[in-house]
């Protein structure tokens, strides 16, 4: 689809606009999550089982990374399948990756490759909805769905925020550098939507605008306004939602005025050498900021990195921008977390909604292929330095047990101490389990 991978298109290759795609699973989300509503999930936090991972960083390679060119090379296949790239050795004997993943090759003993992930939704919008919610979109007309908004499914991050609540001075669920396509709260409501950092950390003037106070408002005037608000609340008869929202306004104020929260978002305090090792790219600086946020207590950070929909002339794009950016960001993030003693308690996942076709098309690109793709996982209770699963000689289908979306989600929730069998009812009374079907992938676990 894209010959210039650093430029985002307004349309996916299936003709769905980004704005339309964001509606799917995003009830109460697109209008913007206000800071007061953000804190309501604290009242419903639960943790029914022991957790290996306190936090999860989810690097989402939107559009579909080409597994056969990165993590599951097939050097003996015909050239129209194997492509131009060669496999290289990693620091784990017997494990090979693509030549442009050379940084990740040096730390292969710190992460695991799941090579037999498989599902059958080859659409960007519907596939993202499936991967991030565990549920098929239950409508026929895509983003123009007539299904009630309070029946839409919650995303992975929204589930984590509802089940685990806040930990530290920052919100429990954060998206950057914009909302994940299907990362909304669904029928959970806006209080479980992500706090969205709608600016890119790679920009020199990066700042989190929602944490900036009005320069025209002095500290004295700010305190006066708070006293007036407190007086109004005290004099009025409040009950139910109004009384609850007053509490959330207090917490929003605490976030805005919290030195710890402001410090967590301050990328400029990081050494330039470390910033450069992550890569001065959107994915690299988002990954670095993700580390700072989990350090400050964030439960789930979703990083959206697009432009992986490589239908045309994919190899220049892959080797020039896409693979090196992912390689630098992932390898440095994992190593940085380990150096700081955070890897054991932080689960890192890197994947897309699908992979790419084994056979190169007549436009020198690869098309959609969800039947076999690789997922990278590290930390948070994941057994490091192994490969789980295998595919056939063309990376078309798993030759070992295929693990689907529900299996991956159950494994993530298991590591975070969340009961996947827990059931919530929609406002219309329909029971929806956190994950429907699937099983924990035990081979991945320590």
Protein backbone atom coordinates (compact mmCIF):
# COMPACT_ATOMS: atom_id res chain seq x y z
CA UNK A 1 0.00 0.00 0.00
CA UNK A 2 2.67 2.51 0.94
CA UNK A 3 5.87 3.30 -0.88
CA UNK A 4 6.84 5.93 1.74
CA UNK A 5 6.52 4.19 5.08
CA UNK A 6 6.94 7.28 7.22
CA UNK A 7 3.85 8.95 5.72
CA UNK A 8 0.54 7.82 7.15
CA UNK A 9 -2.37 7.31 4.82
CA UNK A 10 -5.92 8.26 5.77
CA UNK A 11 -7.17 5.00 4.31
CA UNK A 12 -6.34 1.38 4.86
CA UNK A 13 -5.98 -0.71 1.72
CA UNK A 14 -9.55 -1.96 2.25
CA UNK A 15 -10.85 1.59 1.80
CA UNK A 16 -11.79 2.16 5.44
CA UNK A 17 -10.69 5.52 6.77
CA UNK A 18 -8.76 5.76 10.00
CA UNK A 19 -11.62 7.78 11.53
CA UNK A 20 -14.09 5.03 10.66
CA UNK A 21 -11.79 2.33 11.92
CA UNK A 22 -11.41 4.04 15.27
CA UNK A 23 -15.14 3.77 15.86
CA UNK A 24 -14.94 0.01 16.14
CA UNK A 25 -14.75 -0.91 19.80
CA UNK A 26 -14.34 2.73 20.77
CA UNK A 27 -17.59 3.57 22.55
CA UNK A 28 -17.11 6.57 24.78
CA UNK A 29 -13.58 7.00 23.47
CA UNK A 30 -13.42 9.09 20.30
CA UNK A 31 -14.85 12.15 21.97
CA UNK A 32 -11.77 12.29 24.17
CA UNK A 33 -11.34 10.86 27.63
CA UNK A 34 -11.57 13.57 30.24
CA UNK A 35 -9.17 13.24 33.12
CA UNK A 36 -11.90 12.97 35.77
CA UNK A 37 -13.51 9.98 34.05
CA UNK A 38 -10.12 8.35 33.77
CA UNK A 39 -10.02 7.52 37.47
CA UNK A 40 -13.36 5.76 37.83
CA UNK A 41 -11.78 2.36 37.17
CA UNK A 42 -9.95 2.48 40.48
CA UNK A 43 -13.19 1.66 42.27
CA UNK A 44 -13.64 -1.57 40.30
CA UNK A 45 -10.07 -2.85 40.26
CA UNK A 46 -9.62 -6.54 40.99
CA UNK A 47 -6.85 -9.07 40.83
CA UNK A 48 -7.97 -12.63 41.39
CA UNK A 49 -4.67 -14.45 40.94
CA UNK A 50 -0.97 -14.01 41.42
CA UNK A 51 0.62 -11.85 38.75
CA UNK A 52 4.04 -12.19 37.18
CA UNK A 53 3.62 -8.95 35.23
CA UNK A 54 2.62 -5.68 36.85
CA UNK A 55 2.54 -3.90 33.49
CA UNK A 56 2.38 -4.61 29.76
CA UNK A 57 3.90 -2.67 26.86
CA UNK A 58 2.13 -3.59 23.63
CA UNK A 59 3.98 -2.57 20.45
CA UNK A 60 1.36 -2.81 17.74
CA UNK A 61 2.76 -2.96 14.19
CA UNK A 62 -0.38 -1.82 12.43
CA UNK A 63 -0.89 -3.07 8.90
CA UNK A 64 0.82 -6.44 9.28
CA UNK A 65 4.58 -7.04 9.60
CA UNK A 66 6.14 -9.50 7.16
CA UNK A 67 6.99 -12.50 9.32
CA UNK A 68 8.89 -14.32 6.57
CA UNK A 69 11.27 -11.36 6.21
CA UNK A 70 11.87 -10.93 9.94
CA UNK A 71 11.28 -13.78 12.39
CA UNK A 72 10.49 -16.92 10.38
CA UNK A 73 12.91 -17.04 7.46
CA UNK A 74 12.65 -19.73 4.77
CA UNK A 75 16.03 -19.63 2.99
CA UNK A 76 15.40 -22.88 1.07
CA UNK A 77 12.16 -21.66 -0.51
CA UNK A 78 12.06 -20.25 -4.06
CA UNK A 79 13.11 -16.61 -4.36
CA UNK A 80 9.54 -15.44 -5.02
CA UNK A 81 8.74 -16.72 -1.53
CA UNK A 82 11.89 -16.26 0.53
CA UNK A 83 12.53 -12.74 -0.75
CA UNK A 84 15.90 -10.99 -0.91
CA UNK A 85 16.87 -11.13 2.77
CA UNK A 86 19.14 -13.69 4.38
CA UNK A 87 18.85 -15.29 7.82
CA UNK A 88 21.46 -14.52 10.47
CA UNK A 89 22.45 -16.31 13.65
CA UNK A 90 21.29 -15.04 17.02
CA UNK A 91 22.98 -15.48 20.39
CA UNK A 92 20.75 -18.52 20.92
CA UNK A 93 22.11 -21.59 19.17
CA UNK A 94 19.77 -22.78 16.43
CA UNK A 95 17.60 -19.65 16.33
CA UNK A 96 17.82 -17.53 13.16
CA UNK A 97 16.20 -14.21 12.29
CA UNK A 98 16.28 -11.87 9.31
CA UNK A 99 19.44 -9.92 8.54
CA UNK A 100 17.81 -6.56 9.29
CA UNK A 101 16.94 -7.71 12.82
CA UNK A 102 20.60 -7.79 13.83
CA UNK A 103 20.13 -5.90 17.11
CA UNK A 104 17.40 -8.26 18.23
CA UNK A 105 19.63 -11.17 17.18
CA UNK A 106 22.13 -10.13 19.86
CA UNK A 107 19.56 -10.38 22.67
CA UNK A 108 17.55 -13.41 21.51
CA UNK A 109 18.20 -14.98 24.91
CA UNK A 110 15.95 -12.29 26.45
CA UNK A 111 12.74 -12.88 24.45
CA UNK A 112 10.69 -15.62 22.82
CA UNK A 113 9.29 -15.96 19.31
CA UNK A 114 5.83 -17.50 18.96
CA UNK A 115 5.86 -18.62 15.31
CA UNK A 116 2.55 -20.48 15.14
CA UNK A 117 0.11 -17.67 15.85
CA UNK A 118 -2.79 -18.03 13.43
CA UNK A 119 -6.28 -16.71 12.78
CA UNK A 120 -8.45 -16.18 9.72
CA UNK A 121 -9.34 -12.48 9.63
CA UNK A 122 -7.36 -10.75 6.89
CA UNK A 123 -8.94 -7.32 7.26
CA UNK A 124 -7.14 -4.40 8.86
CA UNK A 125 -10.11 -3.01 10.74
CA UNK A 126 -11.83 -6.28 11.58
CA UNK A 127 -8.51 -8.01 12.23
CA UNK A 128 -7.42 -5.30 14.66
CA UNK A 129 -10.76 -5.53 16.43
CA UNK A 130 -10.32 -9.30 16.74
CA UNK A 131 -6.70 -9.16 17.94
CA UNK A 132 -7.26 -6.36 20.45
CA UNK A 133 -10.63 -7.47 21.86
CA UNK A 134 -10.68 -11.24 21.30
CA UNK A 135 -14.07 -10.91 19.64
CA UNK A 136 -15.19 -10.87 16.04
CA UNK A 137 -16.96 -7.68 15.01
CA UNK A 138 -20.58 -8.78 15.10
CA UNK A 139 -21.82 -6.60 12.27
CA UNK A 140 -21.78 -6.78 8.52
CA UNK A 141 -21.26 -3.18 7.52
CA UNK A 142 -17.95 -2.39 9.22
CA UNK A 143 -17.45 1.04 10.68
CA UNK A 144 -21.03 2.02 9.77
CA UNK A 145 -22.34 -0.51 12.30
CA UNK A 146 -25.85 0.00 13.62
CA UNK A 147 -25.13 -2.10 16.69
CA UNK A 148 -25.73 -0.09 19.91
CA UNK A 149 -22.52 1.54 21.08
CA UNK A 150 -23.00 0.11 24.57
CA UNK A 151 -22.73 -3.39 23.12
CA UNK A 152 -19.29 -2.97 21.57
CA UNK A 153 -16.40 -5.02 22.97
CA UNK A 154 -13.69 -3.65 25.29
CA UNK A 155 -10.07 -3.79 24.21
CA UNK A 156 -7.16 -5.52 25.89
CA UNK A 157 -5.95 -2.33 27.56
CA UNK A 158 -9.40 -1.39 28.81
CA UNK A 159 -9.80 -4.83 30.37
CA UNK A 160 -6.45 -4.44 32.14
CA UNK A 161 -7.42 -1.00 33.46
CA UNK A 162 -10.78 -2.25 34.75
CA UNK A 163 -9.37 -5.35 36.40
CA UNK A 164 -6.20 -3.89 37.89
CA UNK A 165 -6.93 -0.18 38.35
CA UNK A 166 -4.35 2.47 39.08
CA UNK A 167 -0.82 1.94 40.36
CA UNK A 168 1.21 5.06 40.85
CA UNK A 169 0.78 8.61 39.63
CA UNK A 170 -0.06 7.98 35.95
CA UNK A 171 -3.21 6.59 34.29
CA UNK A 172 -3.44 2.78 34.12
CA UNK A 173 -4.07 2.64 30.34
CA UNK A 174 -2.26 4.88 27.86
CA UNK A 175 -2.12 5.00 24.04
CA UNK A 176 0.46 6.81 21.93
CA UNK A 177 1.13 8.55 19.61
CA UNK A 178 -2.61 8.37 18.90
CA UNK A 179 -5.46 5.94 19.70
CA UNK A 180 -5.12 2.28 18.77
CA UNK A 181 -7.61 1.43 16.02
CA UNK A 182 -9.65 -0.91 18.24
CA UNK A 183 -8.28 0.19 21.60
CA UNK A 184 -11.47 1.60 23.08
CA UNK A 185 -13.47 0.54 26.13
CA UNK A 186 -16.57 -0.72 24.33
CA UNK A 187 -19.46 -1.33 26.71
CA UNK A 188 -17.18 -0.74 29.73
CA UNK A 189 -17.71 2.97 29.12
CA UNK A 190 -15.47 6.00 28.80
CA UNK A 191 -14.00 5.62 32.27
CA UNK A 192 -11.99 2.67 30.93
CA UNK A 193 -10.80 4.37 27.76
CA UNK A 194 -7.09 5.06 27.35
CA UNK A 195 -5.42 8.30 28.20
CA UNK A 196 -4.22 9.24 24.72
CA UNK A 197 -0.96 11.10 24.18
CA UNK A 198 -1.92 12.75 20.91
CA UNK A 199 1.54 14.06 20.11
CA UNK A 200 4.56 12.13 18.92
CA UNK A 201 7.49 11.78 21.37
CA UNK A 202 9.93 11.94 18.45
CA UNK A 203 9.07 15.60 17.84
CA UNK A 204 11.51 18.13 19.39
CA UNK A 205 8.65 20.10 20.98
CA UNK A 206 6.91 17.03 22.39
CA UNK A 207 4.76 17.62 25.44
CA UNK A 208 1.61 16.07 26.89
CA UNK A 209 -0.85 18.89 26.38
CA UNK A 210 -3.40 17.55 28.89
CA UNK A 211 -0.83 17.98 31.65
CA UNK A 212 -0.03 21.59 30.79
CA UNK A 213 -1.71 24.23 32.93
CA UNK A 214 -2.86 27.52 31.43
CA UNK A 215 0.05 29.98 31.61
CA UNK A 216 -2.48 32.76 32.15
CA UNK A 217 -3.71 31.07 35.32
CA UNK A 218 -1.58 31.83 38.35
CA UNK A 219 -1.21 29.33 41.17
CA UNK A 220 -3.24 31.63 43.41
CA UNK A 221 -6.13 31.84 40.93
CA UNK A 222 -5.98 28.06 40.41
CA UNK A 223 -6.33 27.49 44.17
CA UNK A 224 -9.19 30.01 44.36
CA UNK A 225 -11.06 28.17 41.62
CA UNK A 226 -10.57 24.91 43.49
CA UNK A 227 -12.02 26.45 46.66
CA UNK A 228 -15.02 27.80 44.75
CA UNK A 229 -15.63 24.37 43.20
CA UNK A 230 -15.37 22.73 46.61
CA UNK A 231 -17.86 25.21 48.02
CA UNK A 232 -20.35 24.60 45.24
CA UNK A 233 -20.06 20.86 45.71
CA UNK A 234 -20.54 21.18 49.46
CA UNK A 235 -23.61 23.41 49.16
CA UNK A 236 -25.31 21.33 46.46
CA UNK A 237 -27.16 18.11 46.97
CA UNK A 238 -25.07 15.52 45.18
CA UNK A 239 -25.69 11.86 44.74
CA UNK A 240 -24.85 9.08 42.36
CA UNK A 241 -22.85 10.10 39.31
CA UNK A 242 -22.51 13.76 40.28
CA UNK A 243 -20.95 12.91 43.62
CA UNK A 244 -18.70 10.35 41.98
CA UNK A 245 -17.54 12.80 39.32
CA UNK A 246 -16.50 15.27 42.01
CA UNK A 247 -14.05 12.68 43.25
CA UNK A 248 -12.69 12.19 39.75
CA UNK A 249 -12.17 15.92 39.29
CA UNK A 250 -10.05 15.84 42.42
CA UNK A 251 -7.98 13.03 40.98
CA UNK A 252 -7.64 14.82 37.63
CA UNK A 253 -6.33 17.86 39.49
CA UNK A 254 -3.90 15.63 41.35
CA UNK A 255 -2.58 14.26 38.04
CA UNK A 256 -2.14 17.70 36.53
CA UNK A 257 -0.35 18.99 39.61
CA UNK A 258 1.62 15.81 40.37
CA UNK A 259 5.40 16.26 40.07
CA UNK A 260 5.74 12.47 39.71
CA UNK A 261 3.35 12.35 36.73
CA UNK A 262 5.00 15.29 35.02
CA UNK A 263 8.39 13.68 35.57
CA UNK A 264 7.21 10.40 34.01
CA UNK A 265 6.31 12.18 30.76
CA UNK A 266 9.55 14.19 30.63
CA UNK A 267 11.56 12.48 27.89
CA UNK A 268 14.11 15.29 27.82
CA UNK A 269 15.51 14.06 31.11
CA UNK A 270 16.78 10.88 29.42
CA UNK A 271 20.44 10.78 28.31
CA UNK A 272 20.86 11.45 24.62
CA UNK A 273 22.88 8.25 24.21
CA UNK A 274 19.97 6.17 25.46
CA UNK A 275 17.44 8.05 23.33
CA UNK A 276 19.61 7.40 20.28
CA UNK A 277 19.84 3.69 21.08
CA UNK A 278 16.04 3.44 20.99
CA UNK A 279 16.13 5.29 17.66
CA UNK A 280 15.02 8.82 16.91
CA UNK A 281 11.84 7.44 15.38
CA UNK A 282 8.22 7.43 16.44
CA UNK A 283 8.37 3.80 17.55
CA UNK A 284 11.72 4.26 19.29
CA UNK A 285 10.76 7.30 21.37
CA UNK A 286 7.31 5.88 22.12
CA UNK A 287 9.01 2.75 23.43
CA UNK A 288 11.31 4.81 25.64
CA UNK A 289 8.37 6.79 26.99
CA UNK A 290 6.55 3.49 27.59
CA UNK A 291 9.39 2.37 29.83
CA UNK A 292 9.13 5.60 31.82
CA UNK A 293 5.38 5.16 32.18
CA UNK A 294 5.50 1.59 33.49
CA UNK A 295 8.25 2.76 35.83
CA UNK A 296 5.74 5.31 37.14
CA UNK A 297 3.00 2.67 37.51
CA UNK A 298 1.11 2.51 34.21
CA UNK A 299 -0.53 -0.89 33.76
CA UNK A 300 -0.86 -1.04 29.97
CA UNK A 301 0.79 1.07 27.28
CA UNK A 302 -0.39 0.57 23.70
CA UNK A 303 1.96 1.94 21.03
CA UNK A 304 0.56 2.16 17.51
CA UNK A 305 3.18 2.01 14.74
CA UNK A 306 1.63 2.05 11.29
CA UNK A 307 2.73 1.77 7.65
CA UNK A 308 3.28 -2.02 7.69
CA UNK A 309 0.67 -2.58 4.95
CA UNK A 310 3.31 -3.23 2.29
CA UNK A 311 1.46 -4.28 -0.88
CA UNK A 312 3.87 -2.45 -3.21
CA UNK A 313 7.67 -2.43 -3.46
CA UNK A 314 7.88 -3.63 0.11
CA UNK A 315 11.58 -4.42 0.33
CA UNK A 316 12.97 -0.89 0.15
CA UNK A 317 10.42 0.14 2.81
CA UNK A 318 11.13 -2.84 5.03
CA UNK A 319 14.91 -2.54 5.05
CA UNK A 320 15.12 1.26 5.07
CA UNK A 321 12.59 2.18 7.74
CA UNK A 322 10.22 -0.42 9.07
CA UNK A 323 12.36 -3.35 10.22
CA UNK A 324 15.28 -1.24 11.54
CA UNK A 325 12.90 0.95 13.54
CA UNK A 326 11.20 -2.07 15.12
CA UNK A 327 14.53 -3.82 15.68
CA UNK A 328 16.08 -0.86 17.50
CA UNK A 329 13.00 -0.08 19.58
CA UNK A 330 12.26 -3.64 20.68
CA UNK A 331 15.84 -4.69 21.42
CA UNK A 332 16.67 -1.52 23.38
CA UNK A 333 13.39 -1.60 25.29
CA UNK A 334 13.92 -5.19 26.44
CA UNK A 335 17.56 -4.54 27.38
CA UNK A 336 16.73 -1.25 29.13
CA UNK A 337 13.99 -2.88 31.18
CA UNK A 338 16.36 -5.65 32.21
CA UNK A 339 19.13 -3.22 33.13
CA UNK A 340 16.69 -1.39 35.42
CA UNK A 341 15.34 -4.55 37.04
CA UNK A 342 11.93 -4.06 35.42
CA UNK A 343 11.82 -6.84 32.83
CA UNK A 344 10.64 -9.55 35.22
CA UNK A 345 7.60 -7.42 36.11
CA UNK A 346 6.93 -5.96 32.64
CA UNK A 347 5.47 -7.98 29.79
CA UNK A 348 6.53 -6.75 26.33
CA UNK A 349 4.52 -7.89 23.28
CA UNK A 350 5.25 -6.93 19.67
CA UNK A 351 2.85 -8.03 16.92
CA UNK A 352 0.48 -6.84 14.19
CA UNK A 353 -3.07 -7.75 13.30
CA UNK A 354 -1.75 -10.16 10.65
CA UNK A 355 1.34 -11.16 8.70
CA UNK A 356 2.03 -10.96 4.95
CA UNK A 357 1.67 -13.49 2.17
CA UNK A 358 4.55 -15.92 1.66
CA UNK A 359 4.49 -15.31 -2.09
CA UNK A 360 5.62 -11.92 -3.37
CA UNK A 361 2.98 -10.35 -5.62
CA UNK A 362 3.47 -8.86 -9.08
CA UNK A 363 3.95 -5.39 -7.55
CA UNK A 364 6.99 -6.54 -5.55
CA UNK A 365 4.97 -6.49 -2.34
CA UNK A 366 3.30 -8.92 0.02
CA UNK A 367 -0.44 -9.02 0.69
CA UNK A 368 -2.50 -9.85 3.79
CA UNK A 369 -1.90 -13.20 5.50
CA UNK A 370 -3.17 -13.97 8.99
CA UNK A 371 -2.91 -17.77 8.86
CA UNK A 372 0.70 -17.76 10.08
CA UNK A 373 2.51 -14.94 11.84
CA UNK A 374 5.07 -14.45 14.59
CA UNK A 375 4.58 -12.72 17.93
CA UNK A 376 7.51 -11.55 20.05
CA UNK A 377 7.16 -11.70 23.84
CA UNK A 378 9.57 -10.82 26.63
CA UNK A 379 9.60 -10.40 30.40
CA UNK A 380 6.69 -10.65 32.81
CA UNK A 381 6.89 -14.41 33.25
CA UNK A 382 7.75 -15.35 29.66
CA UNK A 383 10.37 -18.08 29.27
CA UNK A 384 13.24 -16.35 27.43
CA UNK A 385 15.45 -17.55 24.59
CA UNK A 386 13.12 -20.06 22.95
CA UNK A 387 10.98 -20.47 19.84
CA UNK A 388 7.45 -21.81 20.26
CA UNK A 389 5.78 -23.37 17.24
CA UNK A 390 6.83 -23.78 13.62
CA UNK A 391 5.45 -23.24 10.13
CA UNK A 392 5.73 -25.13 6.86
CA UNK A 393 8.47 -24.60 4.25
CA UNK A 394 6.79 -21.45 2.90
CA UNK A 395 5.61 -19.96 6.23
CA UNK A 396 2.05 -20.42 5.04
CA UNK A 397 0.57 -22.47 7.88
CA UNK A 398 1.65 -23.80 11.28
CA UNK A 399 3.00 -27.35 11.29
CA UNK A 400 2.79 -27.48 15.09
CA UNK A 401 -0.18 -26.56 17.27
CA UNK A 402 -1.67 -23.29 16.07
CA UNK A 403 -2.32 -20.70 18.76
CA UNK A 404 -5.10 -18.22 18.11
CA UNK A 405 -6.07 -14.78 19.35
CA UNK A 406 -7.86 -16.09 22.43
CA UNK A 407 -4.78 -18.11 23.42
CA UNK A 408 -2.51 -15.06 23.23
CA UNK A 409 -4.96 -12.89 25.20
CA UNK A 410 -5.45 -15.55 27.87
CA UNK A 411 -1.70 -15.83 28.25
CA UNK A 412 -1.31 -12.06 28.67
CA UNK A 413 -4.11 -11.90 31.23
CA UNK A 414 -2.78 -14.94 33.08
CA UNK A 415 0.62 -13.30 33.44
CA UNK A 416 -1.04 -10.12 34.71
CA UNK A 417 -3.14 -11.96 37.28
CA UNK A 418 -6.47 -11.43 35.55
CA UNK A 419 -9.17 -14.11 35.50
CA UNK A 420 -10.03 -14.54 31.80
CA UNK A 421 -13.24 -16.41 32.65
CA UNK A 422 -14.73 -13.47 34.51
CA UNK A 423 -18.03 -12.38 32.94
CA UNK A 424 -19.46 -8.87 32.65
CA UNK A 425 -22.90 -7.97 31.37
CA UNK A 426 -23.48 -5.26 28.83
CA UNK A 427 -25.98 -2.51 29.68
CA UNK A 428 -28.49 -4.55 27.67
CA UNK A 429 -27.87 -7.59 29.86
CA UNK A 430 -25.80 -9.75 27.54
CA UNK A 431 -23.06 -11.75 29.33
CA UNK A 432 -19.57 -11.29 27.86
CA UNK A 433 -16.54 -13.13 29.30
CA UNK A 434 -13.19 -11.36 29.36
CA UNK A 435 -11.94 -13.99 26.89
CA UNK A 436 -14.18 -16.41 25.05
CA UNK A 437 -12.43 -19.76 24.53
CA UNK A 438 -8.73 -20.32 24.17
CA UNK A 439 -6.14 -21.49 26.66
CA UNK A 440 -2.94 -20.26 28.27
CA UNK A 441 0.10 -21.09 26.11
CA UNK A 442 2.06 -22.96 28.77
CA UNK A 443 5.13 -23.40 26.58
CA UNK A 444 5.68 -19.65 26.83
CA UNK A 445 5.71 -19.56 30.61
CA UNK A 446 8.61 -19.82 33.01
